[in-house]
Amino acid sequence: MSDWSLYMIRDGHGCLYTGISTDVTRRLTEHTSGMGARALRGKGPLELVFQLQVGGHSQALRLEYLLKRWPKWRKEALLRGECQLPELQ
């Protein structure tokens, strides 16, 4: 089983993109080069602002799904350490 990470990238417009990967450094390089998610193409500079190792693929997918539905103000609170991700069973 690979260790999966949940990550957030801030684009040049201040928007937050959420994703999962087993290699966040490689994934950020792909996003920066334009080979990653279409949502980030042409929106640089890109900055990795959050990374959390979460364990298995299933848990990573569930946390990504949850975080993508949070409003921006709540994601910003997570980045500032004012709130936490819920524990998943």
PDB file of N, CA and C in Angstrom:
ATOM      1  N   MET A   1       0.845  -1.186   0.000  1.00  0.00           N
ATOM      2  CA  MET A   1       0.000   0.000   0.000  1.00  0.00           C
ATOM      3  C   MET A   1       0.887   1.245   0.000  1.00  0.00           C
ATOM      4  N   SER A   2       0.632   2.180  -0.898  1.00  0.00           N
ATOM      5  CA  SER A   2       1.378   3.429  -0.970  1.00  0.00           C
ATOM      6  C   SER A   2       0.815   4.433   0.015  1.00  0.00           C
ATOM      7  N   ASP A   3       1.676   5.328   0.451  1.00  0.00           N
ATOM      8  CA  ASP A   3       1.205   6.427   1.291  1.00  0.00           C
ATOM      9  C   ASP A   3       0.744   7.562   0.391  1.00  0.00           C
ATOM     10  N   TRP A   4      -0.491   7.974   0.590  1.00  0.00           N
ATOM     11  CA  TRP A   4      -1.082   9.043  -0.199  1.00  0.00           C
ATOM     12  C   TRP A   4      -1.075  10.335   0.590  1.00  0.00           C
ATOM     13  N   SER A   5      -0.985  11.444  -0.127  1.00  0.00           N
ATOM     14  CA  SER A   5      -1.008  12.764   0.493  1.00  0.00           C
ATOM     15  C   SER A   5      -2.119  13.600  -0.114  1.00  0.00           C
ATOM     16  N   LEU A   6      -2.704  14.407   0.712  1.00  0.00           N
ATOM     17  CA  LEU A   6      -3.671  15.421   0.309  1.00  0.00           C
ATOM     18  C   LEU A   6      -2.891  16.724   0.212  1.00  0.00           C
ATOM     19  N   TYR A   7      -3.123  17.509  -0.826  1.00  0.00           N
ATOM     20  CA  TYR A   7      -2.385  18.765  -0.969  1.00  0.00           C
ATOM     21  C   TYR A   7      -3.286  19.866  -1.510  1.00  0.00           C
ATOM     22  N   MET A   8      -2.853  21.110  -1.270  1.00  0.00           N
ATOM     23  CA  MET A   8      -3.520  22.271  -1.852  1.00  0.00           C
ATOM     24  C   MET A   8      -2.464  23.159  -2.489  1.00  0.00           C
ATOM     25  N   ILE A   9      -2.814  23.695  -3.651  1.00  0.00           N
ATOM     26  CA  ILE A   9      -1.956  24.608  -4.397  1.00  0.00           C
ATOM     27  C   ILE A   9      -2.714  25.920  -4.561  1.00  0.00           C
ATOM     28  N   ARG A  10      -2.000  27.026  -4.321  1.00  0.00           N
ATOM     29  CA  ARG A  10      -2.584  28.344  -4.573  1.00  0.00           C
ATOM     30  C   ARG A  10      -2.063  28.823  -5.934  1.00  0.00           C
ATOM     31  N   ASP A  11      -2.980  29.242  -6.801  1.00  0.00           N
ATOM     32  CA  ASP A  11      -2.561  29.729  -8.113  1.00  0.00           C
ATOM     33  C   ASP A  11      -2.278  31.228  -8.058  1.00  0.00           C
ATOM     34  N   GLY A  12      -1.889  31.783  -9.179  1.00  0.00           N
ATOM     35  CA  GLY A  12      -1.536  33.192  -9.246  1.00  0.00           C
ATOM     36  C   GLY A  12      -2.677  34.140  -8.976  1.00  0.00           C
ATOM     37  N   HIS A  13      -3.902  33.650  -9.025  1.00  0.00           N
ATOM     38  CA  HIS A  13      -5.086  34.474  -8.762  1.00  0.00           C
ATOM     39  C   HIS A  13      -5.583  34.320  -7.327  1.00  0.00           C
ATOM     40  N   GLY A  14      -4.900  33.480  -6.541  1.00  0.00           N
ATOM     41  CA  GLY A  14      -5.299  33.264  -5.151  1.00  0.00           C
ATOM     42  C   GLY A  14      -6.275  32.127  -4.948  1.00  0.00           C
ATOM     43  N   CYS A  15      -6.665  31.439  -6.014  1.00  0.00           N
ATOM     44  CA  CYS A  15      -7.579  30.302  -5.892  1.00  0.00           C
ATOM     45  C   CYS A  15      -6.827  29.090  -5.350  1.00  0.00           C
ATOM     46  N   LEU A  16      -7.563  28.223  -4.659  1.00  0.00           N
ATOM     47  CA  LEU A  16      -6.971  27.021  -4.088  1.00  0.00           C
ATOM     48  C   LEU A  16      -7.430  25.794  -4.869  1.00  0.00           C
ATOM     49  N   TYR A  17      -6.471  24.955  -5.234  1.00  0.00           N
ATOM     50  CA  TYR A  17      -6.732  23.698  -5.926  1.00  0.00           C
ATOM     51  C   TYR A  17      -6.393  22.571  -4.961  1.00  0.00           C
ATOM     52  N   THR A  18      -7.245  21.578  -4.855  1.00  0.00           N
ATOM     53  CA  THR A  18      -7.038  20.442  -3.958  1.00  0.00           C
ATOM     54  C   THR A  18      -6.843  19.174  -4.778  1.00  0.00           C
ATOM     55  N   GLY A  19      -5.868  18.362  -4.356  1.00  0.00           N
ATOM     56  CA  GLY A  19      -5.618  17.106  -5.042  1.00  0.00           C
ATOM     57  C   GLY A  19      -4.991  16.081  -4.109  1.00  0.00           C
ATOM     58  N   ILE A  20      -4.779  14.878  -4.649  1.00  0.00           N
ATOM     59  CA  ILE A  20      -4.108  13.812  -3.898  1.00  0.00           C
ATOM     60  C   ILE A  20      -3.026  13.220  -4.786  1.00  0.00           C
ATOM     61  N   SER A  21      -1.989  12.678  -4.157  1.00  0.00           N
ATOM     62  CA  SER A  21      -0.904  12.061  -4.906  1.00  0.00           C
ATOM     63  C   SER A  21      -0.038  11.231  -3.970  1.00  0.00           C
ATOM     64  N   THR A  22       0.698  10.294  -4.542  1.00  0.00           N
ATOM     65  CA  THR A  22       1.699   9.555  -3.770  1.00  0.00           C
ATOM     66  C   THR A  22       3.041  10.270  -3.822  1.00  0.00           C
ATOM     67  N   ASP A  23       3.187  11.245  -4.722  1.00  0.00           N
ATOM     68  CA  ASP A  23       4.419  12.020  -4.853  1.00  0.00           C
ATOM     69  C   ASP A  23       4.045  13.470  -5.154  1.00  0.00           C
ATOM     70  N   VAL A  24       3.882  14.256  -4.112  1.00  0.00           N
ATOM     71  CA  VAL A  24       3.398  15.631  -4.260  1.00  0.00           C
ATOM     72  C   VAL A  24       4.406  16.494  -5.019  1.00  0.00           C
ATOM     73  N   THR A  25       5.700  16.286  -4.806  1.00  0.00           N
ATOM     74  CA  THR A  25       6.718  17.063  -5.514  1.00  0.00           C
ATOM     75  C   THR A  25       6.610  16.845  -7.020  1.00  0.00           C
ATOM     76  N   ARG A  26       6.485  15.585  -7.429  1.00  0.00           N
ATOM     77  CA  ARG A  26       6.315  15.277  -8.849  1.00  0.00           C
ATOM     78  C   ARG A  26       5.039  15.896  -9.392  1.00  0.00           C
ATOM     79  N   ARG A  27       3.968  15.804  -8.617  1.00  0.00           N
ATOM     80  CA  ARG A  27       2.673  16.331  -9.070  1.00  0.00           C
ATOM     81  C   ARG A  27       2.721  17.847  -9.226  1.00  0.00           C
ATOM     82  N   LEU A  28       3.386  18.543  -8.290  1.00  0.00           N
ATOM     83  CA  LEU A  28       3.524  19.996  -8.400  1.00  0.00           C
ATOM     84  C   LEU A  28       4.315  20.356  -9.658  1.00  0.00           C
ATOM     85  N   THR A  29       5.353  19.590  -9.950  1.00  0.00           N
ATOM     86  CA  THR A  29       6.134  19.811 -11.173  1.00  0.00           C
ATOM     87  C   THR A  29       5.257  19.637 -12.407  1.00  0.00           C
ATOM     88  N   GLU A  30       4.409  18.623 -12.398  1.00  0.00           N
ATOM     89  CA  GLU A  30       3.491  18.410 -13.522  1.00  0.00           C
ATOM     90  C   GLU A  30       2.528  19.585 -13.666  1.00  0.00           C
ATOM     91  N   HIS A  31       1.978  20.047 -12.549  1.00  0.00           N
ATOM     92  CA  HIS A  31       1.063  21.194 -12.603  1.00  0.00           C
ATOM     93  C   HIS A  31       1.779  22.430 -13.137  1.00  0.00           C
ATOM     94  N   THR A  32       2.986  22.673 -12.658  1.00  0.00           N
ATOM     95  CA  THR A  32       3.745  23.859 -13.053  1.00  0.00           C
ATOM     96  C   THR A  32       4.099  23.829 -14.537  1.00  0.00           C
ATOM     97  N   SER A  33       4.385  22.644 -15.061  1.00  0.00           N
ATOM     98  CA  SER A  33       4.770  22.520 -16.471  1.00  0.00           C
ATOM     99  C   SER A  33       3.568  22.514 -17.419  1.00  0.00           C
ATOM    100  N   GLY A  34       2.350  22.527 -16.878  1.00  0.00           N
ATOM    101  CA  GLY A  34       1.156  22.529 -17.714  1.00  0.00           C
ATOM    102  C   GLY A  34       0.653  21.139 -18.060  1.00  0.00           C
ATOM    103  N   MET A  35       1.282  20.114 -17.476  1.00  0.00           N
ATOM    104  CA  MET A  35       0.879  18.736 -17.767  1.00  0.00           C
ATOM    105  C   MET A  35      -0.058  18.165 -16.691  1.00  0.00           C
ATOM    106  N   GLY A  36      -0.370  18.950 -15.689  1.00  0.00           N
ATOM    107  CA  GLY A  36      -1.250  18.493 -14.612  1.00  0.00           C
ATOM    108  C   GLY A  36      -2.699  18.837 -14.911  1.00  0.00           C
ATOM    109  N   ALA A  37      -3.419  19.172 -13.871  1.00  0.00           N
ATOM    110  CA  ALA A  37      -4.850  19.466 -13.992  1.00  0.00           C
ATOM    111  C   ALA A  37      -5.112  20.667 -14.901  1.00  0.00           C
ATOM    112  N   ARG A  38      -6.109  20.537 -15.728  1.00  0.00           N
ATOM    113  CA  ARG A  38      -6.481  21.611 -16.638  1.00  0.00           C
ATOM    114  C   ARG A  38      -6.856  22.887 -15.882  1.00  0.00           C
ATOM    115  N   ALA A  39      -7.407  22.731 -14.684  1.00  0.00           N
ATOM    116  CA  ALA A  39      -7.841  23.885 -13.892  1.00  0.00           C
ATOM    117  C   ALA A  39      -6.689  24.814 -13.527  1.00  0.00           C
ATOM    118  N   LEU A  40      -5.452  24.321 -13.555  1.00  0.00           N
ATOM    119  CA  LEU A  40      -4.297  25.133 -13.166  1.00  0.00           C
ATOM    120  C   LEU A  40      -3.476  25.636 -14.350  1.00  0.00           C
ATOM    121  N   ARG A  41      -3.793  25.201 -15.543  1.00  0.00           N
ATOM    122  CA  ARG A  41      -2.999  25.592 -16.707  1.00  0.00           C
ATOM    123  C   ARG A  41      -3.111  27.088 -16.968  1.00  0.00           C
ATOM    124  N   GLY A  42      -1.947  27.734 -17.078  1.00  0.00           N
ATOM    125  CA  GLY A  42      -1.899  29.168 -17.375  1.00  0.00           C
ATOM    126  C   GLY A  42      -2.257  30.053 -16.204  1.00  0.00           C
ATOM    127  N   LYS A  43      -2.324  29.508 -15.008  1.00  0.00           N
ATOM    128  CA  LYS A  43      -2.731  30.291 -13.844  1.00  0.00           C
ATOM    129  C   LYS A  43      -1.602  30.444 -12.834  1.00  0.00           C
ATOM    130  N   GLY A  44      -0.357  30.336 -13.293  1.00  0.00           N
ATOM    131  CA  GLY A  44       0.798  30.444 -12.391  1.00  0.00           C
ATOM    132  C   GLY A  44       1.038  31.856 -11.934  1.00  0.00           C
ATOM    133  N   PRO A  45       1.948  32.041 -11.016  1.00  0.00           N
ATOM    134  CA  PRO A  45       2.790  31.013 -10.417  1.00  0.00           C
ATOM    135  C   PRO A  45       1.996  30.167  -9.417  1.00  0.00           C
ATOM    136  N   LEU A  46       2.405  28.922  -9.299  1.00  0.00           N
ATOM    137  CA  LEU A  46       1.733  27.986  -8.403  1.00  0.00           C
ATOM    138  C   LEU A  46       2.578  27.794  -7.144  1.00  0.00           C
ATOM    139  N   GLU A  47       1.899  27.712  -6.004  1.00  0.00           N
ATOM    140  CA  GLU A  47       2.591  27.546  -4.732  1.00  0.00           C
ATOM    141  C   GLU A  47       1.907  26.436  -3.925  1.00  0.00           C
ATOM    142  N   LEU A  48       2.685  25.464  -3.491  1.00  0.00           N
ATOM    143  CA  LEU A  48       2.169  24.413  -2.621  1.00  0.00           C
ATOM    144  C   LEU A  48       1.980  25.025  -1.235  1.00  0.00           C
ATOM    145  N   VAL A  49       0.724  25.047  -0.745  1.00  0.00           N
ATOM    146  CA  VAL A  49       0.448  25.699   0.534  1.00  0.00           C
ATOM    147  C   VAL A  49       0.012  24.730   1.620  1.00  0.00           C
ATOM    148  N   PHE A  50      -0.282  23.478   1.251  1.00  0.00           N
ATOM    149  CA  PHE A  50      -0.734  22.497   2.235  1.00  0.00           C
ATOM    150  C   PHE A  50      -0.407  21.107   1.742  1.00  0.00           C
ATOM    151  N   GLN A  51       0.092  20.278   2.653  1.00  0.00           N
ATOM    152  CA  GLN A  51       0.366  18.879   2.329  1.00  0.00           C
ATOM    153  C   GLN A  51       0.197  18.069   3.600  1.00  0.00           C
ATOM    154  N   LEU A  52      -0.550  16.975   3.497  1.00  0.00           N
ATOM    155  CA  LEU A  52      -0.794  16.112   4.643  1.00  0.00           C
ATOM    156  C   LEU A  52      -0.791  14.670   4.180  1.00  0.00           C
ATOM    157  N   GLN A  53       0.075  13.859   4.758  1.00  0.00           N
ATOM    158  CA  GLN A  53       0.098  12.431   4.445  1.00  0.00           C
ATOM    159  C   GLN A  53      -1.098  11.797   5.146  1.00  0.00           C
ATOM    160  N   VAL A  54      -1.935  11.088   4.376  1.00  0.00           N
ATOM    161  CA  VAL A  54      -3.187  10.581   4.934  1.00  0.00           C
ATOM    162  C   VAL A  54      -3.305   9.068   4.931  1.00  0.00           C
ATOM    163  N   GLY A  55      -2.368   8.346   4.360  1.00  0.00           N
ATOM    164  CA  GLY A  55      -2.441   6.891   4.380  1.00  0.00           C
ATOM    165  C   GLY A  55      -2.843   6.307   3.049  1.00  0.00           C
ATOM    166  N   GLY A  56      -3.916   5.529   3.042  1.00  0.00           N
ATOM    167  CA  GLY A  56      -4.344   4.820   1.847  1.00  0.00           C
ATOM    168  C   GLY A  56      -5.102   5.666   0.841  1.00  0.00           C
ATOM    169  N   HIS A  57      -5.257   5.106  -0.353  1.00  0.00           N
ATOM    170  CA  HIS A  57      -5.937   5.793  -1.452  1.00  0.00           C
ATOM    171  C   HIS A  57      -7.393   6.123  -1.114  1.00  0.00           C
ATOM    172  N   SER A  58      -8.091   5.189  -0.496  1.00  0.00           N
ATOM    173  CA  SER A  58      -9.500   5.394  -0.169  1.00  0.00           C
ATOM    174  C   SER A  58      -9.684   6.582   0.779  1.00  0.00           C
ATOM    175  N   GLN A  59      -8.862   6.643   1.805  1.00  0.00           N
ATOM    176  CA  GLN A  59      -8.966   7.755   2.754  1.00  0.00           C
ATOM    177  C   GLN A  59      -8.599   9.076   2.072  1.00  0.00           C
ATOM    178  N   ALA A  60      -7.583   9.055   1.212  1.00  0.00           N
ATOM    179  CA  ALA A  60      -7.190  10.266   0.493  1.00  0.00           C
ATOM    180  C   ALA A  60      -8.331  10.766  -0.390  1.00  0.00           C
ATOM    181  N   LEU A  61      -8.991   9.848  -1.081  1.00  0.00           N
ATOM    182  CA  LEU A  61     -10.120  10.241  -1.936  1.00  0.00           C
ATOM    183  C   LEU A  61     -11.265  10.856  -1.130  1.00  0.00           C
ATOM    184  N   ARG A  62     -11.554  10.257   0.020  1.00  0.00           N
ATOM    185  CA  ARG A  62     -12.645  10.778   0.853  1.00  0.00           C
ATOM    186  C   ARG A  62     -12.320  12.172   1.380  1.00  0.00           C
ATOM    187  N   LEU A  63     -11.075  12.383   1.821  1.00  0.00           N
ATOM    188  CA  LEU A  63     -10.690  13.707   2.319  1.00  0.00           C
ATOM    189  C   LEU A  63     -10.669  14.741   1.191  1.00  0.00           C
ATOM    190  N   GLU A  64     -10.206  14.337   0.008  1.00  0.00           N
ATOM    191  CA  GLU A  64     -10.209  15.252  -1.130  1.00  0.00           C
ATOM    192  C   GLU A  64     -11.642  15.664  -1.476  1.00  0.00           C
ATOM    193  N   TYR A  65     -12.539  14.697  -1.509  1.00  0.00           N
ATOM    194  CA  TYR A  65     -13.949  14.965  -1.798  1.00  0.00           C
ATOM    195  C   TYR A  65     -14.524  15.955  -0.790  1.00  0.00           C
ATOM    196  N   LEU A  66     -14.223  15.732   0.484  1.00  0.00           N
ATOM    197  CA  LEU A  66     -14.712  16.610   1.547  1.00  0.00           C
ATOM    198  C   LEU A  66     -14.142  18.019   1.402  1.00  0.00           C
ATOM    199  N   LEU A  67     -12.830  18.113   1.229  1.00  0.00           N
ATOM    200  CA  LEU A  67     -12.178  19.416   1.186  1.00  0.00           C
ATOM    201  C   LEU A  67     -12.592  20.225  -0.040  1.00  0.00           C
ATOM    202  N   LYS A  68     -12.830  19.555  -1.146  1.00  0.00           N
ATOM    203  CA  LYS A  68     -13.249  20.268  -2.359  1.00  0.00           C
ATOM    204  C   LYS A  68     -14.629  20.904  -2.197  1.00  0.00           C
ATOM    205  N   ARG A  69     -15.393  20.460  -1.234  1.00  0.00           N
ATOM    206  CA  ARG A  69     -16.725  21.022  -1.000  1.00  0.00           C
ATOM    207  C   ARG A  69     -16.732  22.116   0.066  1.00  0.00           C
ATOM    208  N   TRP A  70     -15.612  22.315   0.723  1.00  0.00           N
ATOM    209  CA  TRP A  70     -15.519  23.393   1.709  1.00  0.00           C
ATOM    210  C   TRP A  70     -15.477  24.744   1.002  1.00  0.00           C
ATOM    211  N   PRO A  71     -16.072  25.777   1.596  1.00  0.00           N
ATOM    212  CA  PRO A  71     -15.926  27.120   1.044  1.00  0.00           C
ATOM    213  C   PRO A  71     -14.492  27.615   1.246  1.00  0.00           C
ATOM    214  N   LYS A  72     -14.092  28.598   0.458  1.00  0.00           N
ATOM    215  CA  LYS A  72     -12.712  29.080   0.518  1.00  0.00           C
ATOM    216  C   LYS A  72     -12.344  29.578   1.911  1.00  0.00           C
ATOM    217  N   TRP A  73     -13.253  30.255   2.603  1.00  0.00           N
ATOM    218  CA  TRP A  73     -12.917  30.790   3.922  1.00  0.00           C
ATOM    219  C   TRP A  73     -12.546  29.677   4.896  1.00  0.00           C
ATOM    220  N   ARG A  74     -13.174  28.516   4.746  1.00  0.00           N
ATOM    221  CA  ARG A  74     -12.867  27.403   5.645  1.00  0.00           C
ATOM    222  C   ARG A  74     -11.516  26.772   5.280  1.00  0.00           C
ATOM    223  N   LYS A  75     -11.210  26.690   3.993  1.00  0.00           N
ATOM    224  CA  LYS A  75      -9.901  26.191   3.572  1.00  0.00           C
ATOM    225  C   LYS A  75      -8.794  27.120   4.069  1.00  0.00           C
ATOM    226  N   GLU A  76      -9.034  28.428   3.991  1.00  0.00           N
ATOM    227  CA  GLU A  76      -8.049  29.398   4.487  1.00  0.00           C
ATOM    228  C   GLU A  76      -7.862  29.239   5.997  1.00  0.00           C
ATOM    229  N   ALA A  77      -8.937  28.972   6.722  1.00  0.00           N
ATOM    230  CA  ALA A  77      -8.838  28.730   8.162  1.00  0.00           C
ATOM    231  C   ALA A  77      -7.997  27.475   8.438  1.00  0.00           C
ATOM    232  N   LEU A  78      -8.139  26.447   7.609  1.00  0.00           N
ATOM    233  CA  LEU A  78      -7.322  25.240   7.741  1.00  0.00           C
ATOM    234  C   LEU A  78      -5.853  25.584   7.544  1.00  0.00           C
ATOM    235  N   LEU A  79      -5.560  26.398   6.547  1.00  0.00           N
ATOM    236  CA  LEU A  79      -4.178  26.787   6.278  1.00  0.00           C
ATOM    237  C   LEU A  79      -3.577  27.593   7.424  1.00  0.00           C
ATOM    238  N   ARG A  80      -4.399  28.396   8.080  1.00  0.00           N
ATOM    239  CA  ARG A  80      -3.931  29.200   9.221  1.00  0.00           C
ATOM    240  C   ARG A  80      -3.871  28.388  10.513  1.00  0.00           C
ATOM    241  N   GLY A  81      -4.370  27.160  10.479  1.00  0.00           N
ATOM    242  CA  GLY A  81      -4.381  26.318  11.674  1.00  0.00           C
ATOM    243  C   GLY A  81      -5.545  26.579  12.604  1.00  0.00           C
ATOM    244  N   GLU A  82      -6.578  27.248  12.111  1.00  0.00           N
ATOM    245  CA  GLU A  82      -7.737  27.606  12.926  1.00  0.00           C
ATOM    246  C   GLU A  82      -8.827  26.534  12.900  1.00  0.00           C
ATOM    247  N   CYS A  83      -8.699  25.561  12.030  1.00  0.00           N
ATOM    248  CA  CYS A  83      -9.628  24.419  12.015  1.00  0.00           C
ATOM    249  C   CYS A  83      -8.857  23.192  11.552  1.00  0.00           C
ATOM    250  N   GLN A  84      -9.466  22.039  11.685  1.00  0.00           N
ATOM    251  CA  GLN A  84      -8.792  20.796  11.326  1.00  0.00           C
ATOM    252  C   GLN A  84      -9.691  19.963  10.411  1.00  0.00           C
ATOM    253  N   LEU A  85      -9.048  19.063   9.697  1.00  0.00           N
ATOM    254  CA  LEU A  85      -9.808  18.096   8.913  1.00  0.00           C
ATOM    255  C   LEU A  85     -10.437  17.090   9.869  1.00  0.00           C
ATOM    256  N   PRO A  86     -11.604  16.599   9.539  1.00  0.00           N
ATOM    257  CA  PRO A  86     -12.243  15.600  10.413  1.00  0.00           C
ATOM    258  C   PRO A  86     -11.499  14.264  10.346  1.00  0.00           C
ATOM    259  N   GLU A  87     -11.615  13.503  11.412  1.00  0.00           N
ATOM    260  CA  GLU A  87     -11.054  12.147  11.446  1.00  0.00           C
ATOM    261  C   GLU A  87     -12.004  11.230  10.677  1.00  0.00           C
ATOM    262  N   LEU A  88     -11.461  10.438   9.771  1.00  0.00           N
ATOM    263  CA  LEU A  88     -12.272   9.497   9.004  1.00  0.00           C
ATOM    264  C   LEU A  88     -12.018   8.086   9.516  1.00  0.00           C
ATOM    265  N   GLN A  89     -13.076   7.303   9.613  1.00  0.00           N
ATOM    266  CA  GLN A  89     -12.904   5.905   9.994  1.00  0.00           C
ATOM    267  C   GLN A  89     -12.776   5.043   8.784  1.00  0.00           C
TER     268      GLN A  89
END
